[in-house]
Amino acid sequence: MSMKSMGHRVLFDTNTLIDAVNSTRAHSEAACQALEYCNGGGDMGIVSPSSLNDAYYVLRKQYGEPWARKAIKLLLDLLVVLPFGPEECIISADSNEPDFEDGMIRAAAELNDVDFILTRDVKAFNHSTVRSITCETYLEIIASEDREAITTLRESVINS
Protein backbone atom coordinates (compact mmCIF):
# COMPACT_ATOMS: atom_id res chain seq x y z
CA MET A 1 0.00 0.00 0.00
CA SER A 2 1.18 3.47 -0.83
CA MET A 3 2.41 5.77 1.88
CA LYS A 4 1.78 8.97 -0.04
CA SER A 5 -0.82 11.25 1.44
CA MET A 6 -2.62 12.27 -1.72
CA GLY A 7 -3.69 9.77 -4.35
CA HIS A 8 -3.74 10.22 -8.09
CA ARG A 9 -6.84 10.29 -10.24
CA VAL A 10 -6.17 7.73 -12.98
CA LEU A 11 -8.35 7.37 -16.09
CA PHE A 12 -8.26 3.94 -17.77
CA ASP A 13 -8.53 4.07 -21.57
CA THR A 14 -10.39 1.34 -23.49
CA ASN A 15 -7.29 -0.65 -24.41
CA THR A 16 -6.16 -0.88 -20.78
CA LEU A 17 -9.60 -2.14 -19.74
CA ILE A 18 -9.44 -4.89 -22.35
CA ASP A 19 -5.88 -5.72 -21.30
CA ALA A 20 -6.95 -6.01 -17.66
CA VAL A 21 -9.71 -8.56 -18.28
CA ASN A 22 -7.99 -10.55 -21.05
CA SER A 23 -5.02 -12.47 -19.65
CA THR A 24 -3.82 -13.43 -23.15
CA ARG A 25 -2.89 -9.84 -24.02
CA ALA A 26 0.73 -8.75 -23.68
CA HIS A 27 0.00 -5.89 -21.26
CA SER A 28 -2.55 -7.72 -19.13
CA GLU A 29 -0.38 -8.09 -16.02
CA ALA A 30 0.50 -4.38 -15.85
CA ALA A 31 -3.15 -3.36 -16.40
CA CYS A 32 -4.25 -5.72 -13.60
CA GLN A 33 -1.60 -4.33 -11.27
CA ALA A 34 -2.70 -0.78 -12.06
CA LEU A 35 -6.32 -1.69 -11.28
CA GLU A 36 -5.21 -3.40 -8.09
CA TYR A 37 -3.23 -0.36 -6.98
CA CYS A 38 -6.25 1.86 -7.53
CA ASN A 39 -8.23 -0.45 -5.26
CA GLY A 40 -5.88 -0.49 -2.33
CA GLY A 41 -2.97 1.82 -2.93
CA GLY A 42 -4.68 5.13 -2.57
CA ASP A 43 -5.22 6.15 -6.18
CA MET A 44 -8.67 6.52 -7.73
CA GLY A 45 -9.34 4.46 -10.85
CA ILE A 46 -11.70 6.21 -13.24
CA VAL A 47 -13.37 5.16 -16.49
CA SER A 48 -15.55 6.83 -19.09
CA PRO A 49 -18.87 5.35 -20.22
CA SER A 50 -17.62 5.31 -23.80
CA SER A 51 -14.58 3.21 -22.85
CA LEU A 52 -16.83 0.72 -21.06
CA ASN A 53 -19.05 0.57 -24.14
CA ASP A 54 -16.12 0.01 -26.49
CA ALA A 55 -14.56 -2.62 -24.22
CA TYR A 56 -17.91 -4.41 -24.00
CA TYR A 57 -18.21 -4.45 -27.81
CA VAL A 58 -14.72 -5.93 -28.28
CA LEU A 59 -15.10 -8.47 -25.47
CA ARG A 60 -18.56 -9.56 -26.65
CA LYS A 61 -17.24 -10.28 -30.14
CA GLN A 62 -14.32 -12.23 -28.72
CA TYR A 63 -15.91 -14.08 -25.76
CA GLY A 64 -19.68 -13.77 -26.08
CA GLU A 65 -22.41 -11.80 -24.36
CA PRO A 66 -22.42 -13.35 -20.84
CA TRP A 67 -18.63 -13.14 -20.45
CA ALA A 68 -18.51 -9.53 -21.68
CA ARG A 69 -21.26 -8.44 -19.26
CA LYS A 70 -19.48 -10.16 -16.38
CA ALA A 71 -16.23 -8.37 -17.27
CA ILE A 72 -17.96 -4.97 -17.44
CA LYS A 73 -19.67 -5.58 -14.08
CA LEU A 74 -16.28 -6.40 -12.56
CA LEU A 75 -14.81 -3.18 -13.95
CA LEU A 76 -17.80 -1.23 -12.60
CA ASP A 77 -17.03 -2.61 -9.13
CA LEU A 78 -13.41 -1.44 -9.40
CA LEU A 79 -13.65 1.95 -11.13
CA VAL A 80 -15.52 5.22 -10.74
CA VAL A 81 -17.53 6.10 -13.85
CA LEU A 82 -17.10 9.72 -14.95
CA PRO A 83 -20.19 11.69 -15.87
CA PHE A 84 -20.33 12.33 -19.59
CA GLY A 85 -22.49 15.03 -21.08
CA PRO A 86 -22.79 17.65 -23.77
CA GLU A 87 -19.72 19.57 -22.55
CA GLU A 88 -17.34 16.68 -23.29
CA CYS A 89 -18.91 16.23 -26.73
CA ILE A 90 -18.63 19.92 -27.62
CA ILE A 91 -15.04 20.11 -26.40
CA SER A 92 -14.19 17.01 -28.43
CA ALA A 93 -15.86 18.36 -31.56
CA ASP A 94 -13.93 21.62 -31.20
CA SER A 95 -10.61 19.98 -30.28
CA ASN A 96 -7.55 19.23 -32.34
CA GLU A 97 -7.86 15.50 -31.58
CA PRO A 98 -8.11 13.47 -34.81
CA ASP A 99 -10.36 10.89 -33.09
CA PHE A 100 -13.69 12.02 -31.61
CA GLU A 101 -13.70 9.41 -28.84
CA ASP A 102 -10.14 10.28 -27.83
CA GLY A 103 -11.28 13.90 -27.74
CA MET A 104 -14.10 12.98 -25.35
CA ILE A 105 -11.69 11.04 -23.12
CA ARG A 106 -9.32 13.99 -23.17
CA ALA A 107 -12.13 16.43 -22.30
CA ALA A 108 -13.38 14.24 -19.46
CA ALA A 109 -9.86 13.89 -18.08
CA GLU A 110 -9.23 17.64 -18.21
CA LEU A 111 -12.63 18.59 -16.76
CA ASN A 112 -12.32 16.10 -13.88
CA ASP A 113 -8.78 16.89 -12.69
CA VAL A 114 -7.38 13.53 -13.79
CA ASP A 115 -3.64 13.12 -13.22
CA PHE A 116 -2.94 10.35 -15.74
CA ILE A 117 -4.65 8.71 -18.70
CA LEU A 118 -3.54 5.07 -18.74
CA THR A 119 -3.36 3.90 -22.33
CA ARG A 120 -1.22 1.94 -24.74
CA ASP A 121 -1.84 4.69 -27.33
CA VAL A 122 0.08 7.44 -25.51
CA LYS A 123 0.33 9.57 -28.67
CA ALA A 124 -3.47 9.73 -28.94
CA PHE A 125 -3.52 12.31 -26.15
CA ASN A 126 -0.46 14.41 -27.07
CA HIS A 127 -2.53 17.61 -27.11
CA SER A 128 -4.01 17.03 -23.66
CA THR A 129 -2.95 18.85 -20.52
CA VAL A 130 -3.32 15.47 -18.77
CA ARG A 131 -0.29 13.21 -19.03
CA SER A 132 -0.94 9.97 -20.93
CA ILE A 133 1.20 6.99 -19.92
CA THR A 134 1.26 3.22 -20.15
CA CYS A 135 0.31 1.04 -17.21
CA GLU A 136 3.96 0.02 -16.95
CA THR A 137 5.07 3.65 -16.61
CA TYR A 138 2.32 4.30 -14.06
CA LEU A 139 3.55 1.38 -11.94
CA GLU A 140 7.10 2.75 -12.10
CA ILE A 141 5.86 6.19 -10.97
CA ILE A 142 3.94 4.88 -7.97
CA ALA A 143 6.82 2.58 -6.97
CA SER A 144 9.15 5.59 -7.05
CA GLU A 145 6.73 7.70 -5.01
CA ASP A 146 6.42 4.90 -2.45
CA ARG A 147 10.22 4.64 -2.18
CA GLU A 148 10.46 8.42 -1.66
CA ALA A 149 7.77 8.30 1.03
CA ILE A 150 9.57 5.51 2.87
CA THR A 151 12.87 7.42 2.69
CA THR A 152 11.18 10.56 4.04
CA LEU A 153 9.60 8.59 6.86
CA ARG A 154 12.91 6.97 7.79
CA GLU A 155 14.68 10.35 7.78
CA SER A 156 12.00 11.89 10.01
CA VAL A 157 12.34 9.01 12.49
CA ILE A 158 16.15 9.37 12.53
CA ASN A 159 15.92 13.16 12.99
CA SER A 160 13.37 13.05 15.80
C-alpha atoms as a PDB file:
ATOM      1  CA  MET A   1       0.000   0.000   0.000  1.00  0.00           C
ATOM      2  CA  SER A   2       1.179   3.473  -0.832  1.00  0.00           C
ATOM      3  CA  MET A   3       2.411   5.771   1.878  1.00  0.00           C
ATOM      4  CA  LYS A   4       1.781   8.972  -0.040  1.00  0.00           C
ATOM      5  CA  SER A   5      -0.816  11.250   1.442  1.00  0.00           C
ATOM      6  CA  MET A   6      -2.623  12.273  -1.722  1.00  0.00           C
ATOM      7  CA  GLY A   7      -3.685   9.769  -4.354  1.00  0.00           C
ATOM      8  CA  HIS A   8      -3.737  10.223  -8.087  1.00  0.00           C
ATOM      9  CA  ARG A   9      -6.841  10.287 -10.240  1.00  0.00           C
ATOM     10  CA  VAL A  10      -6.172   7.727 -12.980  1.00  0.00           C
ATOM     11  CA  LEU A  11      -8.350   7.366 -16.085  1.00  0.00           C
ATOM     12  CA  PHE A  12      -8.262   3.941 -17.766  1.00  0.00           C
ATOM     13  CA  ASP A  13      -8.534   4.070 -21.566  1.00  0.00           C
ATOM     14  CA  THR A  14     -10.392   1.344 -23.493  1.00  0.00           C
ATOM     15  CA  ASN A  15      -7.294  -0.646 -24.415  1.00  0.00           C
ATOM     16  CA  THR A  16      -6.160  -0.881 -20.784  1.00  0.00           C
ATOM     17  CA  LEU A  17      -9.600  -2.145 -19.741  1.00  0.00           C
ATOM     18  CA  ILE A  18      -9.437  -4.887 -22.346  1.00  0.00           C
ATOM     19  CA  ASP A  19      -5.875  -5.716 -21.297  1.00  0.00           C
ATOM     20  CA  ALA A  20      -6.955  -6.009 -17.657  1.00  0.00           C
ATOM     21  CA  VAL A  21      -9.710  -8.562 -18.283  1.00  0.00           C
ATOM     22  CA  ASN A  22      -7.989 -10.546 -21.047  1.00  0.00           C
ATOM     23  CA  SER A  23      -5.017 -12.473 -19.651  1.00  0.00           C
ATOM     24  CA  THR A  24      -3.815 -13.425 -23.148  1.00  0.00           C
ATOM     25  CA  ARG A  25      -2.891  -9.835 -24.022  1.00  0.00           C
ATOM     26  CA  ALA A  26       0.734  -8.745 -23.678  1.00  0.00           C
ATOM     27  CA  HIS A  27       0.001  -5.887 -21.256  1.00  0.00           C
ATOM     28  CA  SER A  28      -2.550  -7.720 -19.126  1.00  0.00           C
ATOM     29  CA  GLU A  29      -0.382  -8.086 -16.018  1.00  0.00           C
ATOM     30  CA  ALA A  30       0.500  -4.382 -15.846  1.00  0.00           C
ATOM     31  CA  ALA A  31      -3.146  -3.362 -16.400  1.00  0.00           C
ATOM     32  CA  CYS A  32      -4.246  -5.722 -13.605  1.00  0.00           C
ATOM     33  CA  GLN A  33      -1.598  -4.328 -11.271  1.00  0.00           C
ATOM     34  CA  ALA A  34      -2.702  -0.776 -12.059  1.00  0.00           C
ATOM     35  CA  LEU A  35      -6.324  -1.693 -11.275  1.00  0.00           C
ATOM     36  CA  GLU A  36      -5.214  -3.403  -8.086  1.00  0.00           C
ATOM     37  CA  TYR A  37      -3.231  -0.363  -6.980  1.00  0.00           C
ATOM     38  CA  CYS A  38      -6.251   1.861  -7.526  1.00  0.00           C
ATOM     39  CA  ASN A  39      -8.229  -0.453  -5.257  1.00  0.00           C
ATOM     40  CA  GLY A  40      -5.878  -0.486  -2.327  1.00  0.00           C
ATOM     41  CA  GLY A  41      -2.965   1.820  -2.934  1.00  0.00           C
ATOM     42  CA  GLY A  42      -4.676   5.133  -2.570  1.00  0.00           C
ATOM     43  CA  ASP A  43      -5.223   6.149  -6.179  1.00  0.00           C
ATOM     44  CA  MET A  44      -8.671   6.517  -7.731  1.00  0.00           C
ATOM     45  CA  GLY A  45      -9.338   4.465 -10.850  1.00  0.00           C
ATOM     46  CA  ILE A  46     -11.705   6.214 -13.238  1.00  0.00           C
ATOM     47  CA  VAL A  47     -13.370   5.164 -16.486  1.00  0.00           C
ATOM     48  CA  SER A  48     -15.553   6.826 -19.092  1.00  0.00           C
ATOM     49  CA  PRO A  49     -18.871   5.354 -20.215  1.00  0.00           C
ATOM     50  CA  SER A  50     -17.616   5.308 -23.801  1.00  0.00           C
ATOM     51  CA  SER A  51     -14.583   3.207 -22.851  1.00  0.00           C
ATOM     52  CA  LEU A  52     -16.828   0.716 -21.064  1.00  0.00           C
ATOM     53  CA  ASN A  53     -19.046   0.565 -24.143  1.00  0.00           C
ATOM     54  CA  ASP A  54     -16.120   0.010 -26.495  1.00  0.00           C
ATOM     55  CA  ALA A  55     -14.563  -2.617 -24.215  1.00  0.00           C
ATOM     56  CA  TYR A  56     -17.911  -4.413 -24.004  1.00  0.00           C
ATOM     57  CA  TYR A  57     -18.209  -4.446 -27.810  1.00  0.00           C
ATOM     58  CA  VAL A  58     -14.716  -5.933 -28.282  1.00  0.00           C
ATOM     59  CA  LEU A  59     -15.103  -8.469 -25.466  1.00  0.00           C
ATOM     60  CA  ARG A  60     -18.558  -9.559 -26.647  1.00  0.00           C
ATOM     61  CA  LYS A  61     -17.240 -10.278 -30.137  1.00  0.00           C
ATOM     62  CA  GLN A  62     -14.323 -12.232 -28.715  1.00  0.00           C
ATOM     63  CA  TYR A  63     -15.906 -14.080 -25.762  1.00  0.00           C
ATOM     64  CA  GLY A  64     -19.679 -13.773 -26.076  1.00  0.00           C
ATOM     65  CA  GLU A  65     -22.409 -11.796 -24.360  1.00  0.00           C
ATOM     66  CA  PRO A  66     -22.421 -13.354 -20.844  1.00  0.00           C
ATOM     67  CA  TRP A  67     -18.634 -13.138 -20.446  1.00  0.00           C
ATOM     68  CA  ALA A  68     -18.508  -9.531 -21.680  1.00  0.00           C
ATOM     69  CA  ARG A  69     -21.260  -8.442 -19.264  1.00  0.00           C
ATOM     70  CA  LYS A  70     -19.485 -10.157 -16.376  1.00  0.00           C
ATOM     71  CA  ALA A  71     -16.225  -8.374 -17.265  1.00  0.00           C
ATOM     72  CA  ILE A  72     -17.960  -4.974 -17.438  1.00  0.00           C
ATOM     73  CA  LYS A  73     -19.668  -5.577 -14.084  1.00  0.00           C
ATOM     74  CA  LEU A  74     -16.284  -6.398 -12.556  1.00  0.00           C
ATOM     75  CA  LEU A  75     -14.809  -3.181 -13.948  1.00  0.00           C
ATOM     76  CA  LEU A  76     -17.798  -1.230 -12.597  1.00  0.00           C
ATOM     77  CA  ASP A  77     -17.027  -2.614  -9.133  1.00  0.00           C
ATOM     78  CA  LEU A  78     -13.412  -1.440  -9.403  1.00  0.00           C
ATOM     79  CA  LEU A  79     -13.649   1.946 -11.128  1.00  0.00           C
ATOM     80  CA  VAL A  80     -15.520   5.220 -10.742  1.00  0.00           C
ATOM     81  CA  VAL A  81     -17.533   6.103 -13.846  1.00  0.00           C
ATOM     82  CA  LEU A  82     -17.105   9.720 -14.949  1.00  0.00           C
ATOM     83  CA  PRO A  83     -20.187  11.690 -15.872  1.00  0.00           C
ATOM     84  CA  PHE A  84     -20.332  12.326 -19.593  1.00  0.00           C
ATOM     85  CA  GLY A  85     -22.488  15.035 -21.079  1.00  0.00           C
ATOM     86  CA  PRO A  86     -22.786  17.652 -23.769  1.00  0.00           C
ATOM     87  CA  GLU A  87     -19.725  19.568 -22.554  1.00  0.00           C
ATOM     88  CA  GLU A  88     -17.340  16.680 -23.289  1.00  0.00           C
ATOM     89  CA  CYS A  89     -18.914  16.232 -26.726  1.00  0.00           C
ATOM     90  CA  ILE A  90     -18.629  19.922 -27.616  1.00  0.00           C
ATOM     91  CA  ILE A  91     -15.037  20.108 -26.397  1.00  0.00           C
ATOM     92  CA  SER A  92     -14.185  17.005 -28.433  1.00  0.00           C
ATOM     93  CA  ALA A  93     -15.859  18.358 -31.564  1.00  0.00           C
ATOM     94  CA  ASP A  94     -13.925  21.615 -31.204  1.00  0.00           C
ATOM     95  CA  SER A  95     -10.606  19.981 -30.284  1.00  0.00           C
ATOM     96  CA  ASN A  96      -7.546  19.234 -32.344  1.00  0.00           C
ATOM     97  CA  GLU A  97      -7.861  15.499 -31.580  1.00  0.00           C
ATOM     98  CA  PRO A  98      -8.111  13.473 -34.809  1.00  0.00           C
ATOM     99  CA  ASP A  99     -10.356  10.889 -33.093  1.00  0.00           C
ATOM    100  CA  PHE A 100     -13.694  12.022 -31.612  1.00  0.00           C
ATOM    101  CA  GLU A 101     -13.703   9.412 -28.840  1.00  0.00           C
ATOM    102  CA  ASP A 102     -10.135  10.282 -27.827  1.00  0.00           C
ATOM    103  CA  GLY A 103     -11.279  13.896 -27.741  1.00  0.00           C
ATOM    104  CA  MET A 104     -14.096  12.982 -25.348  1.00  0.00           C
ATOM    105  CA  ILE A 105     -11.687  11.037 -23.121  1.00  0.00           C
ATOM    106  CA  ARG A 106      -9.323  13.989 -23.167  1.00  0.00           C
ATOM    107  CA  ALA A 107     -12.133  16.434 -22.297  1.00  0.00           C
ATOM    108  CA  ALA A 108     -13.385  14.242 -19.459  1.00  0.00           C
ATOM    109  CA  ALA A 109      -9.860  13.894 -18.077  1.00  0.00           C
ATOM    110  CA  GLU A 110      -9.226  17.640 -18.207  1.00  0.00           C
ATOM    111  CA  LEU A 111     -12.628  18.586 -16.765  1.00  0.00           C
ATOM    112  CA  ASN A 112     -12.321  16.103 -13.883  1.00  0.00           C
ATOM    113  CA  ASP A 113      -8.780  16.894 -12.690  1.00  0.00           C
ATOM    114  CA  VAL A 114      -7.376  13.535 -13.791  1.00  0.00           C
ATOM    115  CA  ASP A 115      -3.638  13.117 -13.224  1.00  0.00           C
ATOM    116  CA  PHE A 116      -2.940  10.350 -15.737  1.00  0.00           C
ATOM    117  CA  ILE A 117      -4.648   8.712 -18.697  1.00  0.00           C
ATOM    118  CA  LEU A 118      -3.542   5.073 -18.736  1.00  0.00           C
ATOM    119  CA  THR A 119      -3.355   3.903 -22.330  1.00  0.00           C
ATOM    120  CA  ARG A 120      -1.224   1.943 -24.740  1.00  0.00           C
ATOM    121  CA  ASP A 121      -1.838   4.685 -27.328  1.00  0.00           C
ATOM    122  CA  VAL A 122       0.085   7.436 -25.509  1.00  0.00           C
ATOM    123  CA  LYS A 123       0.333   9.569 -28.667  1.00  0.00           C
ATOM    124  CA  ALA A 124      -3.465   9.731 -28.941  1.00  0.00           C
ATOM    125  CA  PHE A 125      -3.517  12.314 -26.153  1.00  0.00           C
ATOM    126  CA  ASN A 126      -0.458  14.407 -27.074  1.00  0.00           C
ATOM    127  CA  HIS A 127      -2.527  17.609 -27.106  1.00  0.00           C
ATOM    128  CA  SER A 128      -4.009  17.031 -23.662  1.00  0.00           C
ATOM    129  CA  THR A 129      -2.951  18.851 -20.521  1.00  0.00           C
ATOM    130  CA  VAL A 130      -3.316  15.470 -18.774  1.00  0.00           C
ATOM    131  CA  ARG A 131      -0.288  13.209 -19.035  1.00  0.00           C
ATOM    132  CA  SER A 132      -0.936   9.965 -20.930  1.00  0.00           C
ATOM    133  CA  ILE A 133       1.202   6.988 -19.918  1.00  0.00           C
ATOM    134  CA  THR A 134       1.264   3.218 -20.155  1.00  0.00           C
ATOM    135  CA  CYS A 135       0.314   1.039 -17.208  1.00  0.00           C
ATOM    136  CA  GLU A 136       3.958   0.016 -16.946  1.00  0.00           C
ATOM    137  CA  THR A 137       5.066   3.652 -16.608  1.00  0.00           C
ATOM    138  CA  TYR A 138       2.315   4.302 -14.056  1.00  0.00           C
ATOM    139  CA  LEU A 139       3.545   1.381 -11.940  1.00  0.00           C
ATOM    140  CA  GLU A 140       7.097   2.754 -12.100  1.00  0.00           C
ATOM    141  CA  ILE A 141       5.856   6.189 -10.973  1.00  0.00           C
ATOM    142  CA  ILE A 142       3.945   4.880  -7.969  1.00  0.00           C
ATOM    143  CA  ALA A 143       6.821   2.585  -6.969  1.00  0.00           C
ATOM    144  CA  SER A 144       9.155   5.589  -7.052  1.00  0.00           C
ATOM    145  CA  GLU A 145       6.726   7.698  -5.009  1.00  0.00           C
ATOM    146  CA  ASP A 146       6.418   4.904  -2.449  1.00  0.00           C
ATOM    147  CA  ARG A 147      10.220   4.637  -2.180  1.00  0.00           C
ATOM    148  CA  GLU A 148      10.458   8.420  -1.660  1.00  0.00           C
ATOM    149  CA  ALA A 149       7.768   8.304   1.025  1.00  0.00           C
ATOM    150  CA  ILE A 150       9.570   5.513   2.867  1.00  0.00           C
ATOM    151  CA  THR A 151      12.872   7.420   2.694  1.00  0.00           C
ATOM    152  CA  THR A 152      11.182  10.564   4.039  1.00  0.00           C
ATOM    153  CA  LEU A 153       9.596   8.586   6.858  1.00  0.00           C
ATOM    154  CA  ARG A 154      12.910   6.968   7.785  1.00  0.00           C
ATOM    155  CA  GLU A 155      14.678  10.351   7.784  1.00  0.00           C
ATOM    156  CA  SER A 156      12.000  11.892  10.005  1.00  0.00           C
ATOM    157  CA  VAL A 157      12.336   9.008  12.492  1.00  0.00           C
ATOM    158  CA  ILE A 158      16.145   9.372  12.530  1.00  0.00           C
ATOM    159  CA  ASN A 159      15.923  13.164  12.986  1.00  0.00           C
ATOM    160  CA  SER A 160      13.365  13.050  15.796  1.00  0.00           C
END
